[in-house]
């Protein structure tokens, strides 16, 4: 009798282990990830690779379902969607919610970014150093940022005078760049831009050159003005619902942090590769790339300088260290450390 009881006890214990596992170790954590890029875009594919890396390195304990193309939350609603729990994780642009992130607007300023890797590293350095209160309502996993914004248009733009009154698609801070150059900014997200260019709602778009392939916009423009001298970027967040983050086991948190650190470089490189492909794409389509002569480039740079001054003044008035942030960005671009 005692032997039968002992055998039954062992069997029940085995079934418990097989069926339930340990309280934390074997439970599958299922998360949703809202990405505004379409599934064909390299940045969406990189996001999916990140999710897959989390899954593999957690030995299947974490399953992340990616919802691309704004299918779960549209681009301007991704951040609030994460806060409200519509998605557990989200990727979109800070610039899509103008005024919501006043200190981080510095990263998007037209300071002359040379490439996406540099912009991505600068963005992460600033977020990590300052930990802005404006993003305290989420857990930031990492940030990435595209290469220098250029002007793509349906008519040639060789001088500032050619920009006068031109309707240019722009978002957030880039709207102010368009204004400072004499154009008329029209706010809209990338998914809306192709049709707007095609139908003449806008005459041009301010964007990284990768956009012309990644979003197929090279098909509906004819000219690209190389305005890298005032190269701005658009910084993009990868953030997680704060309450959801706090529920994760410590080892899973550590895994998220380490994998995210690895993917900073992967996203930066993806931006640079995409820029190269975007340039090749428009060249294959026979589009014209217009360089800015040195004197004209200096005029463009002078035209946007008030934006940098305005940023410092506005943030100072709000009690934010905008002057220090901008100085740090310029130090990083010059090859220094902060």
C-alpha atoms as a PDB file:
ATOM      1  CA  UNK A   1       0.000   0.000   0.000  1.00  0.00           C
ATOM      2  CA  UNK A   2       2.768   2.391   0.953  1.00  0.00           C
ATOM      3  CA  UNK A   3       4.619   1.512  -2.265  1.00  0.00           C
ATOM      4  CA  UNK A   4       1.502   2.300  -4.350  1.00  0.00           C
ATOM      5  CA  UNK A   5       1.125   5.663  -2.592  1.00  0.00           C
ATOM      6  CA  UNK A   6       4.798   6.444  -3.193  1.00  0.00           C
ATOM      7  CA  UNK A   7       4.480   5.598  -6.897  1.00  0.00           C
ATOM      8  CA  UNK A   8       1.363   7.748  -7.235  1.00  0.00           C
ATOM      9  CA  UNK A   9       3.134  10.631  -5.509  1.00  0.00           C
ATOM     10  CA  UNK A  10       6.040  10.427  -7.951  1.00  0.00           C
ATOM     11  CA  UNK A  11       3.670  10.285 -10.947  1.00  0.00           C
ATOM     12  CA  UNK A  12       1.694  13.318  -9.753  1.00  0.00           C
ATOM     13  CA  UNK A  13       4.933  15.245  -9.206  1.00  0.00           C
ATOM     14  CA  UNK A  14       6.134  14.402 -12.709  1.00  0.00           C
ATOM     15  CA  UNK A  15       2.837  15.476 -14.255  1.00  0.00           C
ATOM     16  CA  UNK A  16       2.997  18.763 -12.350  1.00  0.00           C
ATOM     17  CA  UNK A  17       6.499  19.494 -13.652  1.00  0.00           C
ATOM     18  CA  UNK A  18       5.610  18.538 -17.229  1.00  0.00           C
ATOM     19  CA  UNK A  19       2.296  20.403 -17.252  1.00  0.00           C
ATOM     20  CA  UNK A  20       3.169  23.532 -15.367  1.00  0.00           C
ATOM     21  CA  UNK A  21       6.917  23.933 -15.292  1.00  0.00           C
ATOM     22  CA  UNK A  22       8.531  26.405 -12.919  1.00  0.00           C
ATOM     23  CA  UNK A  23       6.586  29.555 -11.974  1.00  0.00           C
ATOM     24  CA  UNK A  24       8.681  31.853 -14.169  1.00  0.00           C
ATOM     25  CA  UNK A  25      11.130  29.758 -16.142  1.00  0.00           C
ATOM     26  CA  UNK A  26       8.788  27.896 -18.516  1.00  0.00           C
ATOM     27  CA  UNK A  27       5.869  30.271 -18.879  1.00  0.00           C
ATOM     28  CA  UNK A  28       5.630  31.699 -22.419  1.00  0.00           C
ATOM     29  CA  UNK A  29       5.451  35.493 -22.435  1.00  0.00           C
ATOM     30  CA  UNK A  30       3.421  36.665 -25.419  1.00  0.00           C
ATOM     31  CA  UNK A  31       3.855  40.287 -26.525  1.00  0.00           C
ATOM     32  CA  UNK A  32       2.494  42.446 -29.341  1.00  0.00           C
ATOM     33  CA  UNK A  33       4.734  44.838 -31.286  1.00  0.00           C
ATOM     34  CA  UNK A  34       3.255  47.677 -33.356  1.00  0.00           C
ATOM     35  CA  UNK A  35       5.572  48.878 -36.158  1.00  0.00           C
ATOM     36  CA  UNK A  36       4.597  51.682 -38.517  1.00  0.00           C
ATOM     37  CA  UNK A  37       6.931  50.573 -41.319  1.00  0.00           C
ATOM     38  CA  UNK A  38       5.437  48.290 -44.006  1.00  0.00           C
ATOM     39  CA  UNK A  39       6.556  44.630 -43.929  1.00  0.00           C
ATOM     40  CA  UNK A  40       8.757  45.128 -47.005  1.00  0.00           C
ATOM     41  CA  UNK A  41      10.787  47.920 -45.382  1.00  0.00           C
ATOM     42  CA  UNK A  42      14.249  47.038 -44.042  1.00  0.00           C
ATOM     43  CA  UNK A  43      13.473  48.638 -40.685  1.00  0.00           C
ATOM     44  CA  UNK A  44      10.401  46.437 -40.232  1.00  0.00           C
ATOM     45  CA  UNK A  45      12.496  43.429 -41.193  1.00  0.00           C
ATOM     46  CA  UNK A  46      15.140  44.484 -38.661  1.00  0.00           C
ATOM     47  CA  UNK A  47      12.418  44.814 -36.019  1.00  0.00           C
ATOM     48  CA  UNK A  48      11.262  41.286 -36.849  1.00  0.00           C
ATOM     49  CA  UNK A  49      14.861  40.048 -36.566  1.00  0.00           C
ATOM     50  CA  UNK A  50      15.048  41.673 -33.115  1.00  0.00           C
ATOM     51  CA  UNK A  51      11.846  39.904 -32.060  1.00  0.00           C
ATOM     52  CA  UNK A  52      13.202  36.606 -33.398  1.00  0.00           C
ATOM     53  CA  UNK A  53      16.490  37.100 -31.525  1.00  0.00           C
ATOM     54  CA  UNK A  54      14.556  37.637 -28.283  1.00  0.00           C
ATOM     55  CA  UNK A  55      12.573  34.452 -28.961  1.00  0.00           C
ATOM     56  CA  UNK A  56      15.625  32.342 -29.746  1.00  0.00           C
ATOM     57  CA  UNK A  57      17.826  33.602 -26.937  1.00  0.00           C
ATOM     58  CA  UNK A  58      15.008  33.116 -24.422  1.00  0.00           C
ATOM     59  CA  UNK A  59      14.657  29.506 -25.648  1.00  0.00           C
ATOM     60  CA  UNK A  60      11.093  30.216 -26.695  1.00  0.00           C
ATOM     61  CA  UNK A  61      10.036  31.784 -23.418  1.00  0.00           C
ATOM     62  CA  UNK A  62       9.177  35.063 -25.197  1.00  0.00           C
ATOM     63  CA  UNK A  63       6.995  35.224 -28.305  1.00  0.00           C
ATOM     64  CA  UNK A  64       6.634  38.639 -29.956  1.00  0.00           C
ATOM     65  CA  UNK A  65       4.022  39.124 -32.667  1.00  0.00           C
ATOM     66  CA  UNK A  66       4.925  42.007 -34.990  1.00  0.00           C
ATOM     67  CA  UNK A  67       2.079  44.051 -36.473  1.00  0.00           C
ATOM     68  CA  UNK A  68       3.627  45.999 -39.397  1.00  0.00           C
ATOM     69  CA  UNK A  69       2.345  48.865 -41.498  1.00  0.00           C
ATOM     70  CA  UNK A  70       0.336  50.509 -38.715  1.00  0.00           C
ATOM     71  CA  UNK A  71      -2.083  47.579 -38.677  1.00  0.00           C
ATOM     72  CA  UNK A  72      -2.418  47.708 -34.884  1.00  0.00           C
ATOM     73  CA  UNK A  73      -1.877  51.424 -34.240  1.00  0.00           C
ATOM     74  CA  UNK A  74      -1.256  54.101 -36.873  1.00  0.00           C
ATOM     75  CA  UNK A  75       2.107  55.870 -36.923  1.00  0.00           C
ATOM     76  CA  UNK A  76       1.090  58.961 -34.855  1.00  0.00           C
ATOM     77  CA  UNK A  77      -0.750  56.788 -32.272  1.00  0.00           C
ATOM     78  CA  UNK A  78       1.955  54.152 -31.641  1.00  0.00           C
ATOM     79  CA  UNK A  79       3.474  55.827 -28.555  1.00  0.00           C
ATOM     80  CA  UNK A  80       0.133  56.432 -26.828  1.00  0.00           C
ATOM     81  CA  UNK A  81      -0.913  52.940 -27.890  1.00  0.00           C
ATOM     82  CA  UNK A  82       1.988  51.516 -25.894  1.00  0.00           C
ATOM     83  CA  UNK A  83       1.109  53.629 -22.860  1.00  0.00           C
ATOM     84  CA  UNK A  84      -2.529  52.508 -23.044  1.00  0.00           C
ATOM     85  CA  UNK A  85      -1.673  48.849 -23.602  1.00  0.00           C
ATOM     86  CA  UNK A  86      -3.040  48.569 -27.132  1.00  0.00           C
ATOM     87  CA  UNK A  87       0.375  47.123 -27.947  1.00  0.00           C
ATOM     88  CA  UNK A  88       3.062  45.947 -25.556  1.00  0.00           C
ATOM     89  CA  UNK A  89       5.902  47.322 -27.688  1.00  0.00           C
ATOM     90  CA  UNK A  90       5.902  50.036 -30.343  1.00  0.00           C
ATOM     91  CA  UNK A  91       8.134  51.632 -32.961  1.00  0.00           C
ATOM     92  CA  UNK A  92       7.436  55.012 -34.528  1.00  0.00           C
ATOM     93  CA  UNK A  93       8.812  58.558 -34.749  1.00  0.00           C
ATOM     94  CA  UNK A  94       8.957  61.085 -31.930  1.00  0.00           C
ATOM     95  CA  UNK A  95       8.281  63.736 -34.581  1.00  0.00           C
ATOM     96  CA  UNK A  96       4.814  62.377 -35.319  1.00  0.00           C
ATOM     97  CA  UNK A  97       3.620  63.900 -32.030  1.00  0.00           C
ATOM     98  CA  UNK A  98       4.902  67.439 -32.324  1.00  0.00           C
ATOM     99  CA  UNK A  99       5.526  69.188 -29.018  1.00  0.00           C
ATOM    100  CA  UNK A 100       5.214  65.948 -27.032  1.00  0.00           C
ATOM    101  CA  UNK A 101       9.003  65.485 -26.746  1.00  0.00           C
ATOM    102  CA  UNK A 102      10.525  68.983 -26.459  1.00  0.00           C
ATOM    103  CA  UNK A 103      14.003  68.021 -25.247  1.00  0.00           C
ATOM    104  CA  UNK A 104      14.476  65.204 -27.757  1.00  0.00           C
ATOM    105  CA  UNK A 105      13.635  67.535 -30.633  1.00  0.00           C
ATOM    106  CA  UNK A 106      17.335  68.415 -30.525  1.00  0.00           C
ATOM    107  CA  UNK A 107      18.217  65.088 -32.115  1.00  0.00           C
ATOM    108  CA  UNK A 108      16.126  65.896 -35.198  1.00  0.00           C
ATOM    109  CA  UNK A 109      17.650  69.346 -35.746  1.00  0.00           C
ATOM    110  CA  UNK A 110      19.381  70.083 -39.106  1.00  0.00           C
ATOM    111  CA  UNK A 111      22.901  69.803 -37.716  1.00  0.00           C
ATOM    112  CA  UNK A 112      24.403  68.012 -40.726  1.00  0.00           C
ATOM    113  CA  UNK A 113      24.249  64.296 -39.950  1.00  0.00           C
ATOM    114  CA  UNK A 114      26.546  62.407 -42.351  1.00  0.00           C
ATOM    115  CA  UNK A 115      24.809  59.014 -42.179  1.00  0.00           C
ATOM    116  CA  UNK A 116      22.283  56.866 -40.328  1.00  0.00           C
ATOM    117  CA  UNK A 117      24.792  55.069 -38.133  1.00  0.00           C
ATOM    118  CA  UNK A 118      26.016  58.375 -36.751  1.00  0.00           C
ATOM    119  CA  UNK A 119      22.472  59.672 -36.233  1.00  0.00           C
ATOM    120  CA  UNK A 120      21.475  56.433 -34.486  1.00  0.00           C
ATOM    121  CA  UNK A 121      24.473  56.493 -32.144  1.00  0.00           C
ATOM    122  CA  UNK A 122      23.912  60.167 -31.324  1.00  0.00           C
ATOM    123  CA  UNK A 123      20.225  59.571 -30.567  1.00  0.00           C
ATOM    124  CA  UNK A 124      20.973  56.707 -28.178  1.00  0.00           C
ATOM    125  CA  UNK A 125      23.776  58.623 -26.463  1.00  0.00           C
ATOM    126  CA  UNK A 126      21.438  61.558 -25.768  1.00  0.00           C
ATOM    127  CA  UNK A 127      18.575  59.378 -24.499  1.00  0.00           C
ATOM    128  CA  UNK A 128      20.899  57.361 -22.282  1.00  0.00           C
ATOM    129  CA  UNK A 129      22.663  60.405 -20.821  1.00  0.00           C
ATOM    130  CA  UNK A 130      19.636  62.604 -20.145  1.00  0.00           C
ATOM    131  CA  UNK A 131      16.842  60.055 -19.527  1.00  0.00           C
ATOM    132  CA  UNK A 132      14.249  62.762 -20.369  1.00  0.00           C
ATOM    133  CA  UNK A 133      11.185  63.012 -18.164  1.00  0.00           C
ATOM    134  CA  UNK A 134       9.068  63.339 -21.332  1.00  0.00           C
ATOM    135  CA  UNK A 135       9.582  59.619 -22.067  1.00  0.00           C
ATOM    136  CA  UNK A 136       9.284  58.394 -18.462  1.00  0.00           C
ATOM    137  CA  UNK A 137       5.822  56.932 -19.126  1.00  0.00           C
ATOM    138  CA  UNK A 138       7.315  54.054 -21.139  1.00  0.00           C
ATOM    139  CA  UNK A 139      10.376  51.836 -20.929  1.00  0.00           C
ATOM    140  CA  UNK A 140      12.745  52.745 -23.772  1.00  0.00           C
ATOM    141  CA  UNK A 141      14.510  49.734 -25.257  1.00  0.00           C
ATOM    142  CA  UNK A 142      16.529  51.680 -27.828  1.00  0.00           C
ATOM    143  CA  UNK A 143      16.358  54.406 -30.458  1.00  0.00           C
ATOM    144  CA  UNK A 144      17.414  54.582 -34.085  1.00  0.00           C
ATOM    145  CA  UNK A 145      17.536  57.397 -36.628  1.00  0.00           C
ATOM    146  CA  UNK A 146      17.763  57.700 -40.403  1.00  0.00           C
ATOM    147  CA  UNK A 147      20.523  59.213 -42.504  1.00  0.00           C
ATOM    148  CA  UNK A 148      20.570  62.861 -43.624  1.00  0.00           C
ATOM    149  CA  UNK A 149      17.302  64.232 -44.909  1.00  0.00           C
ATOM    150  CA  UNK A 150      17.312  65.476 -48.488  1.00  0.00           C
ATOM    151  CA  UNK A 151      14.736  67.205 -50.676  1.00  0.00           C
ATOM    152  CA  UNK A 152      12.958  65.121 -53.311  1.00  0.00           C
ATOM    153  CA  UNK A 153      10.723  67.095 -55.652  1.00  0.00           C
ATOM    154  CA  UNK A 154       8.672  67.052 -58.837  1.00  0.00           C
ATOM    155  CA  UNK A 155      10.356  70.241 -60.102  1.00  0.00           C
ATOM    156  CA  UNK A 156      14.086  71.101 -59.881  1.00  0.00           C
ATOM    157  CA  UNK A 157      15.282  72.889 -56.724  1.00  0.00           C
ATOM    158  CA  UNK A 158      18.757  74.364 -57.189  1.00  0.00           C
ATOM    159  CA  UNK A 159      18.542  77.429 -54.937  1.00  0.00           C
ATOM    160  CA  UNK A 160      16.583  78.703 -51.962  1.00  0.00           C
ATOM    161  CA  UNK A 161      14.553  80.817 -54.357  1.00  0.00           C
ATOM    162  CA  UNK A 162      13.246  77.637 -56.013  1.00  0.00           C
ATOM    163  CA  UNK A 163      11.763  76.586 -52.682  1.00  0.00           C
ATOM    164  CA  UNK A 164       9.593  79.660 -52.243  1.00  0.00           C
ATOM    165  CA  UNK A 165       5.994  78.553 -51.781  1.00  0.00           C
ATOM    166  CA  UNK A 166       6.755  74.931 -52.662  1.00  0.00           C
ATOM    167  CA  UNK A 167       4.411  72.506 -50.860  1.00  0.00           C
ATOM    168  CA  UNK A 168       6.705  70.104 -49.044  1.00  0.00           C
ATOM    169  CA  UNK A 169       5.695  67.050 -47.038  1.00  0.00           C
ATOM    170  CA  UNK A 170       7.307  67.237 -43.600  1.00  0.00           C
ATOM    171  CA  UNK A 171       6.704  66.087 -40.029  1.00  0.00           C
ATOM    172  CA  UNK A 172       7.425  67.584 -36.648  1.00  0.00           C
ATOM    173  CA  UNK A 173      10.596  69.613 -36.622  1.00  0.00           C
ATOM    174  CA  UNK A 174      11.201  69.103 -40.340  1.00  0.00           C
ATOM    175  CA  UNK A 175       8.140  71.288 -40.918  1.00  0.00           C
ATOM    176  CA  UNK A 176      10.110  74.162 -39.394  1.00  0.00           C
ATOM    177  CA  UNK A 177      13.053  73.339 -41.653  1.00  0.00           C
ATOM    178  CA  UNK A 178      10.795  73.699 -44.683  1.00  0.00           C
ATOM    179  CA  UNK A 179       9.510  77.031 -43.389  1.00  0.00           C
ATOM    180  CA  UNK A 180      13.011  78.344 -42.749  1.00  0.00           C
ATOM    181  CA  UNK A 181      13.954  77.464 -46.328  1.00  0.00           C
ATOM    182  CA  UNK A 182      10.946  79.342 -47.701  1.00  0.00           C
ATOM    183  CA  UNK A 183       8.694  76.377 -48.473  1.00  0.00           C
ATOM    184  CA  UNK A 184       5.160  75.573 -47.338  1.00  0.00           C
ATOM    185  CA  UNK A 185       5.174  72.496 -45.072  1.00  0.00           C
ATOM    186  CA  UNK A 186       2.357  69.962 -45.243  1.00  0.00           C
ATOM    187  CA  UNK A 187       2.243  67.542 -42.313  1.00  0.00           C
ATOM    188  CA  UNK A 188       1.712  63.847 -43.006  1.00  0.00           C
ATOM    189  CA  UNK A 189       3.243  60.467 -42.184  1.00  0.00           C
ATOM    190  CA  UNK A 190       5.269  58.413 -44.664  1.00  0.00           C
ATOM    191  CA  UNK A 191       2.411  56.013 -45.521  1.00  0.00           C
ATOM    192  CA  UNK A 192       0.384  58.969 -46.844  1.00  0.00           C
ATOM    193  CA  UNK A 193       3.154  60.575 -48.884  1.00  0.00           C
ATOM    194  CA  UNK A 194       3.227  58.488 -52.078  1.00  0.00           C
ATOM    195  CA  UNK A 195      -0.372  59.295 -52.963  1.00  0.00           C
ATOM    196  CA  UNK A 196       0.042  62.938 -51.932  1.00  0.00           C
ATOM    197  CA  UNK A 197       2.981  63.332 -54.356  1.00  0.00           C
ATOM    198  CA  UNK A 198       1.195  61.390 -57.074  1.00  0.00           C
ATOM    199  CA  UNK A 199      -1.942  63.545 -56.855  1.00  0.00           C
ATOM    200  CA  UNK A 200      -0.113  66.861 -56.446  1.00  0.00           C
ATOM    201  CA  UNK A 201      -1.239  67.461 -52.871  1.00  0.00           C
ATOM    202  CA  UNK A 202       2.450  68.195 -52.241  1.00  0.00           C
ATOM    203  CA  UNK A 203       5.234  69.174 -54.666  1.00  0.00           C
ATOM    204  CA  UNK A 204       8.100  67.663 -52.733  1.00  0.00           C
ATOM    205  CA  UNK A 205       9.093  65.718 -49.649  1.00  0.00           C
ATOM    206  CA  UNK A 206      11.865  66.218 -47.112  1.00  0.00           C
ATOM    207  CA  UNK A 207      13.184  62.740 -46.363  1.00  0.00           C
ATOM    208  CA  UNK A 208      16.183  60.412 -46.200  1.00  0.00           C
ATOM    209  CA  UNK A 209      17.008  59.104 -49.666  1.00  0.00           C
ATOM    210  CA  UNK A 210      16.161  55.544 -48.573  1.00  0.00           C
ATOM    211  CA  UNK A 211      12.513  56.593 -48.430  1.00  0.00           C
ATOM    212  CA  UNK A 212      12.456  56.932 -52.185  1.00  0.00           C
ATOM    213  CA  UNK A 213      12.837  53.164 -52.450  1.00  0.00           C
ATOM    214  CA  UNK A 214      11.549  51.947 -49.082  1.00  0.00           C
ATOM    215  CA  UNK A 215       8.226  53.724 -49.585  1.00  0.00           C
ATOM    216  CA  UNK A 216       8.458  53.749 -53.426  1.00  0.00           C
ATOM    217  CA  UNK A 217       8.295  57.549 -53.494  1.00  0.00           C
ATOM    218  CA  UNK A 218      11.075  57.705 -56.089  1.00  0.00           C
ATOM    219  CA  UNK A 219       8.422  56.693 -58.620  1.00  0.00           C
ATOM    220  CA  UNK A 220       6.497  59.942 -58.149  1.00  0.00           C
ATOM    221  CA  UNK A 221       9.325  62.524 -57.940  1.00  0.00           C
ATOM    222  CA  UNK A 222      11.832  63.637 -60.584  1.00  0.00           C
ATOM    223  CA  UNK A 223      14.600  65.501 -58.725  1.00  0.00           C
ATOM    224  CA  UNK A 224      16.696  65.026 -55.593  1.00  0.00           C
ATOM    225  CA  UNK A 225      18.528  67.996 -54.095  1.00  0.00           C
ATOM    226  CA  UNK A 226      21.534  66.921 -52.023  1.00  0.00           C
ATOM    227  CA  UNK A 227      20.964  69.090 -48.959  1.00  0.00           C
ATOM    228  CA  UNK A 228      23.140  66.986 -46.643  1.00  0.00           C
ATOM    229  CA  UNK A 229      24.837  70.135 -45.364  1.00  0.00           C
ATOM    230  CA  UNK A 230      21.688  70.704 -43.284  1.00  0.00           C
ATOM    231  CA  UNK A 231      21.118  66.974 -42.882  1.00  0.00           C
ATOM    232  CA  UNK A 232      18.474  66.445 -40.235  1.00  0.00           C
ATOM    233  CA  UNK A 233      17.294  63.075 -38.955  1.00  0.00           C
ATOM    234  CA  UNK A 234      14.071  61.660 -37.591  1.00  0.00           C
ATOM    235  CA  UNK A 235      14.657  59.715 -34.400  1.00  0.00           C
ATOM    236  CA  UNK A 236      12.518  56.636 -33.822  1.00  0.00           C
ATOM    237  CA  UNK A 237      11.724  54.928 -30.560  1.00  0.00           C
ATOM    238  CA  UNK A 238      11.355  51.284 -29.644  1.00  0.00           C
ATOM    239  CA  UNK A 239       9.466  51.405 -26.365  1.00  0.00           C
ATOM    240  CA  UNK A 240       7.595  49.033 -24.090  1.00  0.00           C
ATOM    241  CA  UNK A 241       4.565  49.437 -21.870  1.00  0.00           C
ATOM    242  CA  UNK A 242       5.996  50.246 -18.455  1.00  0.00           C
ATOM    243  CA  UNK A 243       3.680  47.970 -16.477  1.00  0.00           C
ATOM    244  CA  UNK A 244       4.363  45.097 -18.861  1.00  0.00           C
ATOM    245  CA  UNK A 245       8.100  45.676 -18.512  1.00  0.00           C
ATOM    246  CA  UNK A 246       7.849  45.496 -14.720  1.00  0.00           C
ATOM    247  CA  UNK A 247       6.130  42.095 -14.926  1.00  0.00           C
ATOM    248  CA  UNK A 248       9.028  40.515 -16.833  1.00  0.00           C
ATOM    249  CA  UNK A 249      11.384  38.171 -14.942  1.00  0.00           C
ATOM    250  CA  UNK A 250      14.805  39.659 -14.211  1.00  0.00           C
ATOM    251  CA  UNK A 251      16.631  37.402 -16.642  1.00  0.00           C
ATOM    252  CA  UNK A 252      14.211  38.307 -19.448  1.00  0.00           C
ATOM    253  CA  UNK A 253      14.682  42.015 -18.729  1.00  0.00           C
ATOM    254  CA  UNK A 254      18.429  41.482 -18.969  1.00  0.00           C
ATOM    255  CA  UNK A 255      17.950  39.660 -22.279  1.00  0.00           C
ATOM    256  CA  UNK A 256      15.807  42.471 -23.728  1.00  0.00           C
ATOM    257  CA  UNK A 257      18.455  45.002 -22.722  1.00  0.00           C
ATOM    258  CA  UNK A 258      21.386  43.081 -24.202  1.00  0.00           C
ATOM    259  CA  UNK A 259      19.663  42.214 -27.492  1.00  0.00           C
ATOM    260  CA  UNK A 260      18.424  45.789 -27.871  1.00  0.00           C
ATOM    261  CA  UNK A 261      21.973  47.087 -27.396  1.00  0.00           C
ATOM    262  CA  UNK A 262      23.132  44.811 -30.213  1.00  0.00           C
ATOM    263  CA  UNK A 263      20.377  46.010 -32.527  1.00  0.00           C
ATOM    264  CA  UNK A 264      21.304  49.688 -32.219  1.00  0.00           C
ATOM    265  CA  UNK A 265      24.141  49.038 -34.651  1.00  0.00           C
ATOM    266  CA  UNK A 266      22.001  46.753 -36.808  1.00  0.00           C
ATOM    267  CA  UNK A 267      19.382  49.478 -37.293  1.00  0.00           C
ATOM    268  CA  UNK A 268      22.050  52.110 -37.965  1.00  0.00           C
ATOM    269  CA  UNK A 269      23.686  49.909 -40.598  1.00  0.00           C
ATOM    270  CA  UNK A 270      20.292  49.100 -42.085  1.00  0.00           C
ATOM    271  CA  UNK A 271      19.662  52.833 -42.554  1.00  0.00           C
ATOM    272  CA  UNK A 272      22.990  53.281 -44.336  1.00  0.00           C
ATOM    273  CA  UNK A 273      22.435  50.244 -46.545  1.00  0.00           C
ATOM    274  CA  UNK A 274      18.944  51.496 -47.355  1.00  0.00           C
ATOM    275  CA  UNK A 275      20.282  54.953 -48.252  1.00  0.00           C
ATOM    276  CA  UNK A 276      22.712  53.356 -50.700  1.00  0.00           C
ATOM    277  CA  UNK A 277      19.897  51.297 -52.203  1.00  0.00           C
ATOM    278  CA  UNK A 278      17.627  54.352 -52.363  1.00  0.00           C
ATOM    279  CA  UNK A 279      20.233  56.304 -54.292  1.00  0.00           C
ATOM    280  CA  UNK A 280      20.742  53.411 -56.694  1.00  0.00           C
ATOM    281  CA  UNK A 281      16.958  53.078 -57.099  1.00  0.00           C
ATOM    282  CA  UNK A 282      16.390  56.670 -58.200  1.00  0.00           C
ATOM    283  CA  UNK A 283      19.429  56.539 -60.472  1.00  0.00           C
ATOM    284  CA  UNK A 284      17.985  53.453 -62.160  1.00  0.00           C
ATOM    285  CA  UNK A 285      14.721  55.340 -62.639  1.00  0.00           C
ATOM    286  CA  UNK A 286      16.667  58.131 -64.341  1.00  0.00           C
ATOM    287  CA  UNK A 287      15.924  60.778 -61.722  1.00  0.00           C
ATOM    288  CA  UNK A 288      18.206  63.835 -61.491  1.00  0.00           C
ATOM    289  CA  UNK A 289      20.379  64.431 -58.419  1.00  0.00           C
ATOM    290  CA  UNK A 290      21.205  68.110 -57.918  1.00  0.00           C
ATOM    291  CA  UNK A 291      24.332  69.029 -55.877  1.00  0.00           C
ATOM    292  CA  UNK A 292      24.484  72.283 -53.934  1.00  0.00           C
ATOM    293  CA  UNK A 293      27.521  74.456 -54.747  1.00  0.00           C
ATOM    294  CA  UNK A 294      29.508  75.566 -51.695  1.00  0.00           C
ATOM    295  CA  UNK A 295      28.095  79.094 -51.633  1.00  0.00           C
ATOM    296  CA  UNK A 296      24.518  77.860 -51.986  1.00  0.00           C
ATOM    297  CA  UNK A 297      25.073  75.215 -49.302  1.00  0.00           C
ATOM    298  CA  UNK A 298      26.255  77.971 -46.946  1.00  0.00           C
ATOM    299  CA  UNK A 299      23.006  79.878 -47.591  1.00  0.00           C
ATOM    300  CA  UNK A 300      20.937  76.810 -46.686  1.00  0.00           C
ATOM    301  CA  UNK A 301      22.946  76.325 -43.514  1.00  0.00           C
ATOM    302  CA  UNK A 302      22.502  79.958 -42.536  1.00  0.00           C
ATOM    303  CA  UNK A 303      18.768  79.729 -43.240  1.00  0.00           C
ATOM    304  CA  UNK A 304      18.247  76.964 -40.664  1.00  0.00           C
ATOM    305  CA  UNK A 305      20.508  78.370 -37.931  1.00  0.00           C
ATOM    306  CA  UNK A 306      17.555  80.202 -36.295  1.00  0.00           C
ATOM    307  CA  UNK A 307      15.975  76.786 -35.644  1.00  0.00           C
ATOM    308  CA  UNK A 308      18.909  75.786 -33.471  1.00  0.00           C
ATOM    309  CA  UNK A 309      18.741  79.119 -31.651  1.00  0.00           C
ATOM    310  CA  UNK A 310      14.986  78.793 -31.183  1.00  0.00           C
ATOM    311  CA  UNK A 311      15.352  75.290 -29.771  1.00  0.00           C
ATOM    312  CA  UNK A 312      17.815  76.469 -27.134  1.00  0.00           C
ATOM    313  CA  UNK A 313      15.635  79.429 -26.188  1.00  0.00           C
ATOM    314  CA  UNK A 314      12.416  77.387 -25.999  1.00  0.00           C
ATOM    315  CA  UNK A 315      13.864  74.592 -23.914  1.00  0.00           C
ATOM    316  CA  UNK A 316      15.610  77.043 -21.599  1.00  0.00           C
ATOM    317  CA  UNK A 317      12.289  78.783 -20.974  1.00  0.00           C
ATOM    318  CA  UNK A 318      10.821  75.390 -20.045  1.00  0.00           C
ATOM    319  CA  UNK A 319      13.643  74.699 -17.633  1.00  0.00           C
ATOM    320  CA  UNK A 320      15.127  72.016 -19.874  1.00  0.00           C
ATOM    321  CA  UNK A 321      18.871  71.675 -20.639  1.00  0.00           C
ATOM    322  CA  UNK A 322      18.471  72.152 -24.383  1.00  0.00           C
ATOM    323  CA  UNK A 323      21.703  74.106 -24.677  1.00  0.00           C
ATOM    324  CA  UNK A 324      23.662  71.214 -23.162  1.00  0.00           C
ATOM    325  CA  UNK A 325      21.910  68.626 -25.327  1.00  0.00           C
ATOM    326  CA  UNK A 326      22.639  70.560 -28.537  1.00  0.00           C
ATOM    327  CA  UNK A 327      26.258  71.110 -27.488  1.00  0.00           C
ATOM    328  CA  UNK A 328      26.600  67.368 -26.823  1.00  0.00           C
ATOM    329  CA  UNK A 329      25.199  66.537 -30.255  1.00  0.00           C
ATOM    330  CA  UNK A 330      27.648  68.890 -31.934  1.00  0.00           C
ATOM    331  CA  UNK A 331      30.488  67.389 -29.882  1.00  0.00           C
ATOM    332  CA  UNK A 332      29.522  63.886 -30.967  1.00  0.00           C
ATOM    333  CA  UNK A 333      29.307  64.944 -34.627  1.00  0.00           C
ATOM    334  CA  UNK A 334      32.787  66.416 -34.338  1.00  0.00           C
ATOM    335  CA  UNK A 335      34.082  63.053 -33.143  1.00  0.00           C
ATOM    336  CA  UNK A 336      34.190  63.839 -29.436  1.00  0.00           C
ATOM    337  CA  UNK A 337      32.666  62.104 -26.419  1.00  0.00           C
ATOM    338  CA  UNK A 338      30.020  63.196 -23.917  1.00  0.00           C
END
